[in-house]
């Protein structure tokens, strides 16, 4: 039996930017139908000490062979402006709890049980098509919050949007005050992301795709 090499997986992942087919086949198509991604609170746990490894693979730290605990998820999407045009060279930052519901922020409760193999934070610069890609784990709930992933979108040193995405179909969403602050309708639906099985994955990996549409009032 071949020995699995996480380091090799990491190199292949970081070198791959081939995403699925774009939702729009021509620039600006259906721009008047786009729903702008609503801004959300940054929350108290944006990392106060960034990890040494800040790339787009949150599952494996540097050349460590031990992966993070959790359901590995390939999180992809595009950053678009309000007209549906891709935003090139936008800095996409994400942060979230690990599988034990702990942030890497030093003031987050439960640091003693934090998964030391989970990066907790990552960043990626969008390509000419506005595409981004992360490998992370499916978010889990913690007291007072439904599962979610924080996003911050910046360009040229200016924050364009701070928001969060949520797991589509998660029962706890409707009890989450931050999620419920989004008006019912297209705006609320726009932050719900389907986490689905990765075809032919023997490790039970997931895929999730979320396009972020800028144009709301920036926060953060």
C-alpha atoms as a PDB file:
ATOM      1  CA  UNK A   1       0.000   0.000   0.000  1.00  0.00           C
ATOM      2  CA  UNK A   2       1.327   3.423  -0.928  1.00  0.00           C
ATOM      3  CA  UNK A   3       2.193   5.669   1.961  1.00  0.00           C
ATOM      4  CA  UNK A   4       0.157   8.868   1.969  1.00  0.00           C
ATOM      5  CA  UNK A   5       2.282  12.015   1.944  1.00  0.00           C
ATOM      6  CA  UNK A   6       0.441  15.113   3.324  1.00  0.00           C
ATOM      7  CA  UNK A   7       3.358  17.331   2.324  1.00  0.00           C
ATOM      8  CA  UNK A   8       2.942  16.277  -1.297  1.00  0.00           C
ATOM      9  CA  UNK A   9      -0.800  17.001  -1.104  1.00  0.00           C
ATOM     10  CA  UNK A  10      -0.010  20.441   0.268  1.00  0.00           C
ATOM     11  CA  UNK A  11       2.352  21.283  -2.591  1.00  0.00           C
ATOM     12  CA  UNK A  12      -0.170  20.171  -5.167  1.00  0.00           C
ATOM     13  CA  UNK A  13      -2.929  22.152  -3.466  1.00  0.00           C
ATOM     14  CA  UNK A  14      -0.983  25.385  -3.160  1.00  0.00           C
ATOM     15  CA  UNK A  15       0.035  25.175  -6.808  1.00  0.00           C
ATOM     16  CA  UNK A  16      -3.489  24.666  -8.111  1.00  0.00           C
ATOM     17  CA  UNK A  17      -5.772  27.520  -9.050  1.00  0.00           C
ATOM     18  CA  UNK A  18      -8.028  25.740 -11.513  1.00  0.00           C
ATOM     19  CA  UNK A  19     -11.514  26.329 -10.138  1.00  0.00           C
ATOM     20  CA  UNK A  20     -14.827  25.133 -11.518  1.00  0.00           C
ATOM     21  CA  UNK A  21     -16.610  26.834 -14.372  1.00  0.00           C
ATOM     22  CA  UNK A  22     -17.484  30.464 -13.662  1.00  0.00           C
ATOM     23  CA  UNK A  23     -21.103  31.234 -12.859  1.00  0.00           C
ATOM     24  CA  UNK A  24     -21.116  33.998 -15.445  1.00  0.00           C
ATOM     25  CA  UNK A  25     -20.043  33.288 -18.998  1.00  0.00           C
ATOM     26  CA  UNK A  26     -19.483  36.939 -19.914  1.00  0.00           C
ATOM     27  CA  UNK A  27     -18.320  39.903 -17.893  1.00  0.00           C
ATOM     28  CA  UNK A  28     -21.071  41.790 -16.140  1.00  0.00           C
ATOM     29  CA  UNK A  29     -23.797  39.345 -17.203  1.00  0.00           C
ATOM     30  CA  UNK A  30     -26.903  39.567 -14.982  1.00  0.00           C
ATOM     31  CA  UNK A  31     -25.167  42.268 -12.926  1.00  0.00           C
ATOM     32  CA  UNK A  32     -28.523  43.854 -12.059  1.00  0.00           C
ATOM     33  CA  UNK A  33     -29.569  40.571 -10.403  1.00  0.00           C
ATOM     34  CA  UNK A  34     -26.575  40.252  -8.103  1.00  0.00           C
ATOM     35  CA  UNK A  35     -27.237  40.355  -4.380  1.00  0.00           C
ATOM     36  CA  UNK A  36     -24.550  42.261  -2.516  1.00  0.00           C
ATOM     37  CA  UNK A  37     -22.989  40.306   0.311  1.00  0.00           C
ATOM     38  CA  UNK A  38     -24.142  41.877   3.595  1.00  0.00           C
ATOM     39  CA  UNK A  39     -21.478  43.162   6.005  1.00  0.00           C
ATOM     40  CA  UNK A  40     -21.191  41.363   9.332  1.00  0.00           C
ATOM     41  CA  UNK A  41     -19.345  42.006  12.561  1.00  0.00           C
ATOM     42  CA  UNK A  42     -15.647  41.125  12.687  1.00  0.00           C
ATOM     43  CA  UNK A  43     -16.184  39.724  16.170  1.00  0.00           C
ATOM     44  CA  UNK A  44     -13.669  39.701  19.008  1.00  0.00           C
ATOM     45  CA  UNK A  45     -11.386  36.937  17.732  1.00  0.00           C
ATOM     46  CA  UNK A  46      -9.604  38.211  14.645  1.00  0.00           C
ATOM     47  CA  UNK A  47      -6.115  36.812  15.410  1.00  0.00           C
ATOM     48  CA  UNK A  48      -4.174  39.022  17.802  1.00  0.00           C
ATOM     49  CA  UNK A  49      -1.036  37.055  16.939  1.00  0.00           C
ATOM     50  CA  UNK A  50      -0.902  35.809  13.372  1.00  0.00           C
ATOM     51  CA  UNK A  51       0.472  32.292  12.951  1.00  0.00           C
ATOM     52  CA  UNK A  52       3.885  31.909  11.305  1.00  0.00           C
ATOM     53  CA  UNK A  53       2.124  30.087   8.493  1.00  0.00           C
ATOM     54  CA  UNK A  54      -0.521  32.321   6.884  1.00  0.00           C
ATOM     55  CA  UNK A  55      -1.044  30.679   3.493  1.00  0.00           C
ATOM     56  CA  UNK A  56      -4.312  29.336   2.075  1.00  0.00           C
ATOM     57  CA  UNK A  57      -3.942  25.799   3.453  1.00  0.00           C
ATOM     58  CA  UNK A  58      -5.212  25.814   7.040  1.00  0.00           C
ATOM     59  CA  UNK A  59      -5.113  22.039   7.376  1.00  0.00           C
ATOM     60  CA  UNK A  60      -1.350  21.482   7.265  1.00  0.00           C
ATOM     61  CA  UNK A  61       1.140  23.776   9.023  1.00  0.00           C
ATOM     62  CA  UNK A  62       4.328  24.396   7.030  1.00  0.00           C
ATOM     63  CA  UNK A  63       5.915  20.968   6.415  1.00  0.00           C
ATOM     64  CA  UNK A  64       4.174  19.298   9.331  1.00  0.00           C
ATOM     65  CA  UNK A  65       2.910  15.795   8.503  1.00  0.00           C
ATOM     66  CA  UNK A  66       0.033  15.866  11.005  1.00  0.00           C
ATOM     67  CA  UNK A  67      -3.165  17.364   9.576  1.00  0.00           C
ATOM     68  CA  UNK A  68      -5.758  19.282  11.548  1.00  0.00           C
ATOM     69  CA  UNK A  69      -8.754  17.451  12.991  1.00  0.00           C
ATOM     70  CA  UNK A  70     -12.057  18.007  11.196  1.00  0.00           C
ATOM     71  CA  UNK A  71     -13.874  17.576   7.894  1.00  0.00           C
ATOM     72  CA  UNK A  72     -11.407  18.861   5.309  1.00  0.00           C
ATOM     73  CA  UNK A  73     -13.107  21.377   3.026  1.00  0.00           C
ATOM     74  CA  UNK A  74     -11.968  22.907  -0.255  1.00  0.00           C
ATOM     75  CA  UNK A  75     -13.438  26.418  -0.006  1.00  0.00           C
ATOM     76  CA  UNK A  76     -13.432  28.366  -3.269  1.00  0.00           C
ATOM     77  CA  UNK A  77     -15.205  31.253  -4.939  1.00  0.00           C
ATOM     78  CA  UNK A  78     -14.814  34.672  -6.505  1.00  0.00           C
ATOM     79  CA  UNK A  79     -14.716  38.256  -5.326  1.00  0.00           C
ATOM     80  CA  UNK A  80     -16.958  40.401  -7.550  1.00  0.00           C
ATOM     81  CA  UNK A  81     -17.905  44.053  -7.622  1.00  0.00           C
ATOM     82  CA  UNK A  82     -21.532  45.188  -7.633  1.00  0.00           C
ATOM     83  CA  UNK A  83     -21.632  44.944 -11.453  1.00  0.00           C
ATOM     84  CA  UNK A  84     -20.406  41.360 -11.468  1.00  0.00           C
ATOM     85  CA  UNK A  85     -16.866  42.201 -12.544  1.00  0.00           C
ATOM     86  CA  UNK A  86     -14.069  40.147 -10.953  1.00  0.00           C
ATOM     87  CA  UNK A  87     -11.881  41.969  -8.437  1.00  0.00           C
ATOM     88  CA  UNK A  88      -8.232  41.178  -9.137  1.00  0.00           C
ATOM     89  CA  UNK A  89      -5.524  41.289  -6.438  1.00  0.00           C
ATOM     90  CA  UNK A  90      -8.029  41.488  -3.597  1.00  0.00           C
ATOM     91  CA  UNK A  91      -6.684  40.150  -0.306  1.00  0.00           C
ATOM     92  CA  UNK A  92      -9.065  37.563   1.097  1.00  0.00           C
ATOM     93  CA  UNK A  93      -8.556  36.686   4.775  1.00  0.00           C
ATOM     94  CA  UNK A  94     -10.482  33.982   6.609  1.00  0.00           C
ATOM     95  CA  UNK A  95     -10.436  32.848  10.242  1.00  0.00           C
ATOM     96  CA  UNK A  96     -12.521  30.368  12.201  1.00  0.00           C
ATOM     97  CA  UNK A  97     -12.570  27.997  15.147  1.00  0.00           C
ATOM     98  CA  UNK A  98     -10.908  24.598  14.954  1.00  0.00           C
ATOM     99  CA  UNK A  99     -12.779  21.295  15.330  1.00  0.00           C
ATOM    100  CA  UNK A 100     -12.689  21.819  19.118  1.00  0.00           C
ATOM    101  CA  UNK A 101     -14.429  25.214  18.756  1.00  0.00           C
ATOM    102  CA  UNK A 102     -11.379  27.335  19.655  1.00  0.00           C
ATOM    103  CA  UNK A 103      -9.971  30.380  17.804  1.00  0.00           C
ATOM    104  CA  UNK A 104      -6.229  31.037  17.682  1.00  0.00           C
ATOM    105  CA  UNK A 105      -6.836  34.370  19.461  1.00  0.00           C
ATOM    106  CA  UNK A 106      -5.009  34.311  22.796  1.00  0.00           C
ATOM    107  CA  UNK A 107      -8.107  35.535  24.690  1.00  0.00           C
ATOM    108  CA  UNK A 108     -10.417  32.902  23.283  1.00  0.00           C
ATOM    109  CA  UNK A 109     -11.457  30.428  26.002  1.00  0.00           C
ATOM    110  CA  UNK A 110     -10.146  26.876  25.735  1.00  0.00           C
ATOM    111  CA  UNK A 111      -6.624  27.575  24.475  1.00  0.00           C
ATOM    112  CA  UNK A 112      -5.377  24.540  26.385  1.00  0.00           C
ATOM    113  CA  UNK A 113      -7.419  22.224  24.130  1.00  0.00           C
ATOM    114  CA  UNK A 114      -6.840  24.061  20.835  1.00  0.00           C
ATOM    115  CA  UNK A 115      -5.818  21.932  17.863  1.00  0.00           C
ATOM    116  CA  UNK A 116      -2.182  22.963  17.424  1.00  0.00           C
ATOM    117  CA  UNK A 117      -2.189  21.501  13.917  1.00  0.00           C
ATOM    118  CA  UNK A 118      -4.904  23.849  12.666  1.00  0.00           C
ATOM    119  CA  UNK A 119      -3.719  27.161  11.246  1.00  0.00           C
ATOM    120  CA  UNK A 120      -6.919  28.989  12.191  1.00  0.00           C
ATOM    121  CA  UNK A 121      -6.261  31.850   9.770  1.00  0.00           C
ATOM    122  CA  UNK A 122      -5.342  32.096   6.104  1.00  0.00           C
ATOM    123  CA  UNK A 123      -5.053  34.601   3.298  1.00  0.00           C
ATOM    124  CA  UNK A 124      -5.106  34.553  -0.484  1.00  0.00           C
ATOM    125  CA  UNK A 125      -4.694  37.138  -3.264  1.00  0.00           C
ATOM    126  CA  UNK A 126      -7.332  36.788  -5.980  1.00  0.00           C
ATOM    127  CA  UNK A 127      -6.286  36.119  -9.570  1.00  0.00           C
ATOM    128  CA  UNK A 128      -7.419  37.927 -12.739  1.00  0.00           C
ATOM    129  CA  UNK A 129     -10.783  36.154 -12.547  1.00  0.00           C
ATOM    130  CA  UNK A 130     -11.312  37.238  -8.952  1.00  0.00           C
ATOM    131  CA  UNK A 131     -10.930  33.652  -7.768  1.00  0.00           C
ATOM    132  CA  UNK A 132      -9.760  32.539  -4.339  1.00  0.00           C
ATOM    133  CA  UNK A 133      -9.092  29.100  -2.843  1.00  0.00           C
ATOM    134  CA  UNK A 134      -8.618  27.751   0.671  1.00  0.00           C
ATOM    135  CA  UNK A 135      -8.300  24.327   2.228  1.00  0.00           C
ATOM    136  CA  UNK A 136      -9.768  24.341   5.703  1.00  0.00           C
ATOM    137  CA  UNK A 137     -12.154  22.329   7.879  1.00  0.00           C
ATOM    138  CA  UNK A 138     -15.918  22.571   8.050  1.00  0.00           C
ATOM    139  CA  UNK A 139     -16.776  25.045  10.836  1.00  0.00           C
ATOM    140  CA  UNK A 140     -18.376  23.806  14.040  1.00  0.00           C
ATOM    141  CA  UNK A 141     -20.645  25.603  16.535  1.00  0.00           C
ATOM    142  CA  UNK A 142     -19.587  27.024  19.859  1.00  0.00           C
ATOM    143  CA  UNK A 143     -21.679  28.469  22.724  1.00  0.00           C
ATOM    144  CA  UNK A 144     -23.803  31.304  21.361  1.00  0.00           C
ATOM    145  CA  UNK A 145     -22.819  30.882  17.696  1.00  0.00           C
ATOM    146  CA  UNK A 146     -23.801  28.692  14.793  1.00  0.00           C
ATOM    147  CA  UNK A 147     -20.977  27.363  12.541  1.00  0.00           C
ATOM    148  CA  UNK A 148     -19.481  30.150  10.427  1.00  0.00           C
ATOM    149  CA  UNK A 149     -16.295  31.377   8.742  1.00  0.00           C
ATOM    150  CA  UNK A 150     -15.152  35.000   8.993  1.00  0.00           C
ATOM    151  CA  UNK A 151     -14.045  36.868   5.863  1.00  0.00           C
ATOM    152  CA  UNK A 152     -12.238  40.160   5.396  1.00  0.00           C
ATOM    153  CA  UNK A 153     -11.755  41.528   1.868  1.00  0.00           C
ATOM    154  CA  UNK A 154      -9.191  44.286   1.311  1.00  0.00           C
ATOM    155  CA  UNK A 155      -7.424  45.966  -1.570  1.00  0.00           C
ATOM    156  CA  UNK A 156      -4.702  48.587  -1.589  1.00  0.00           C
ATOM    157  CA  UNK A 157      -4.679  48.604   2.203  1.00  0.00           C
ATOM    158  CA  UNK A 158      -8.393  49.488   2.367  1.00  0.00           C
ATOM    159  CA  UNK A 159     -10.962  47.156   3.892  1.00  0.00           C
ATOM    160  CA  UNK A 160     -13.796  46.624   1.412  1.00  0.00           C
ATOM    161  CA  UNK A 161     -15.942  44.161   3.348  1.00  0.00           C
ATOM    162  CA  UNK A 162     -16.012  42.200   6.583  1.00  0.00           C
ATOM    163  CA  UNK A 163     -18.570  39.406   6.615  1.00  0.00           C
ATOM    164  CA  UNK A 164     -19.281  35.780   7.500  1.00  0.00           C
ATOM    165  CA  UNK A 165     -20.570  32.726   5.663  1.00  0.00           C
ATOM    166  CA  UNK A 166     -22.743  30.008   7.178  1.00  0.00           C
ATOM    167  CA  UNK A 167     -23.471  26.329   6.591  1.00  0.00           C
ATOM    168  CA  UNK A 168     -26.586  25.868   4.505  1.00  0.00           C
ATOM    169  CA  UNK A 169     -29.151  23.692   6.243  1.00  0.00           C
ATOM    170  CA  UNK A 170     -27.596  24.076   9.709  1.00  0.00           C
ATOM    171  CA  UNK A 171     -30.427  24.013  12.279  1.00  0.00           C
ATOM    172  CA  UNK A 172     -28.654  26.433  14.638  1.00  0.00           C
ATOM    173  CA  UNK A 173     -28.633  29.252  12.079  1.00  0.00           C
ATOM    174  CA  UNK A 174     -32.085  30.466  13.044  1.00  0.00           C
ATOM    175  CA  UNK A 175     -31.026  30.764  16.690  1.00  0.00           C
ATOM    176  CA  UNK A 176     -27.908  32.789  15.900  1.00  0.00           C
ATOM    177  CA  UNK A 177     -28.312  36.512  16.553  1.00  0.00           C
ATOM    178  CA  UNK A 178     -25.632  37.606  14.087  1.00  0.00           C
ATOM    179  CA  UNK A 179     -27.140  35.526  11.290  1.00  0.00           C
ATOM    180  CA  UNK A 180     -30.669  36.705  12.120  1.00  0.00           C
ATOM    181  CA  UNK A 181     -29.521  40.335  11.888  1.00  0.00           C
ATOM    182  CA  UNK A 182     -29.461  39.865   8.114  1.00  0.00           C
ATOM    183  CA  UNK A 183     -32.854  40.666   6.559  1.00  0.00           C
ATOM    184  CA  UNK A 184     -34.866  37.648   5.472  1.00  0.00           C
ATOM    185  CA  UNK A 185     -34.709  37.092   1.718  1.00  0.00           C
ATOM    186  CA  UNK A 186     -31.938  37.192  -0.854  1.00  0.00           C
ATOM    187  CA  UNK A 187     -29.450  38.884   1.483  1.00  0.00           C
ATOM    188  CA  UNK A 188     -29.749  36.128   4.082  1.00  0.00           C
ATOM    189  CA  UNK A 189     -29.707  33.399   1.434  1.00  0.00           C
ATOM    190  CA  UNK A 190     -26.538  34.895  -0.053  1.00  0.00           C
ATOM    191  CA  UNK A 191     -24.414  33.962   3.000  1.00  0.00           C
ATOM    192  CA  UNK A 192     -25.566  30.333   3.149  1.00  0.00           C
ATOM    193  CA  UNK A 193     -23.031  27.937   1.651  1.00  0.00           C
ATOM    194  CA  UNK A 194     -23.539  24.264   0.803  1.00  0.00           C
ATOM    195  CA  UNK A 195     -20.804  21.979   2.139  1.00  0.00           C
ATOM    196  CA  UNK A 196     -20.989  18.920  -0.108  1.00  0.00           C
ATOM    197  CA  UNK A 197     -18.951  15.717  -0.545  1.00  0.00           C
ATOM    198  CA  UNK A 198     -15.956  15.997  -2.848  1.00  0.00           C
ATOM    199  CA  UNK A 199     -16.561  13.514  -5.682  1.00  0.00           C
ATOM    200  CA  UNK A 200     -14.346  10.417  -5.480  1.00  0.00           C
ATOM    201  CA  UNK A 201     -12.688  11.557  -2.245  1.00  0.00           C
ATOM    202  CA  UNK A 202     -11.710   8.509  -0.197  1.00  0.00           C
ATOM    203  CA  UNK A 203     -10.987  10.722   2.806  1.00  0.00           C
ATOM    204  CA  UNK A 204     -14.503  12.189   3.016  1.00  0.00           C
ATOM    205  CA  UNK A 205     -13.429  15.686   1.968  1.00  0.00           C
ATOM    206  CA  UNK A 206     -15.963  18.408   1.248  1.00  0.00           C
ATOM    207  CA  UNK A 207     -16.297  21.224  -1.270  1.00  0.00           C
ATOM    208  CA  UNK A 208     -17.903  24.623  -0.665  1.00  0.00           C
ATOM    209  CA  UNK A 209     -18.166  27.526  -3.109  1.00  0.00           C
ATOM    210  CA  UNK A 210     -19.048  31.095  -2.160  1.00  0.00           C
ATOM    211  CA  UNK A 211     -18.950  34.164  -4.379  1.00  0.00           C
ATOM    212  CA  UNK A 212     -18.664  37.444  -2.479  1.00  0.00           C
ATOM    213  CA  UNK A 213     -20.267  40.511  -4.066  1.00  0.00           C
ATOM    214  CA  UNK A 214     -18.911  43.836  -2.890  1.00  0.00           C
ATOM    215  CA  UNK A 215     -20.876  47.046  -2.724  1.00  0.00           C
ATOM    216  CA  UNK A 216     -22.371  47.145   0.758  1.00  0.00           C
ATOM    217  CA  UNK A 217     -21.224  49.543   3.459  1.00  0.00           C
ATOM    218  CA  UNK A 218     -17.701  48.394   4.479  1.00  0.00           C
ATOM    219  CA  UNK A 219     -17.060  47.556   8.127  1.00  0.00           C
ATOM    220  CA  UNK A 220     -14.032  46.533  10.135  1.00  0.00           C
END
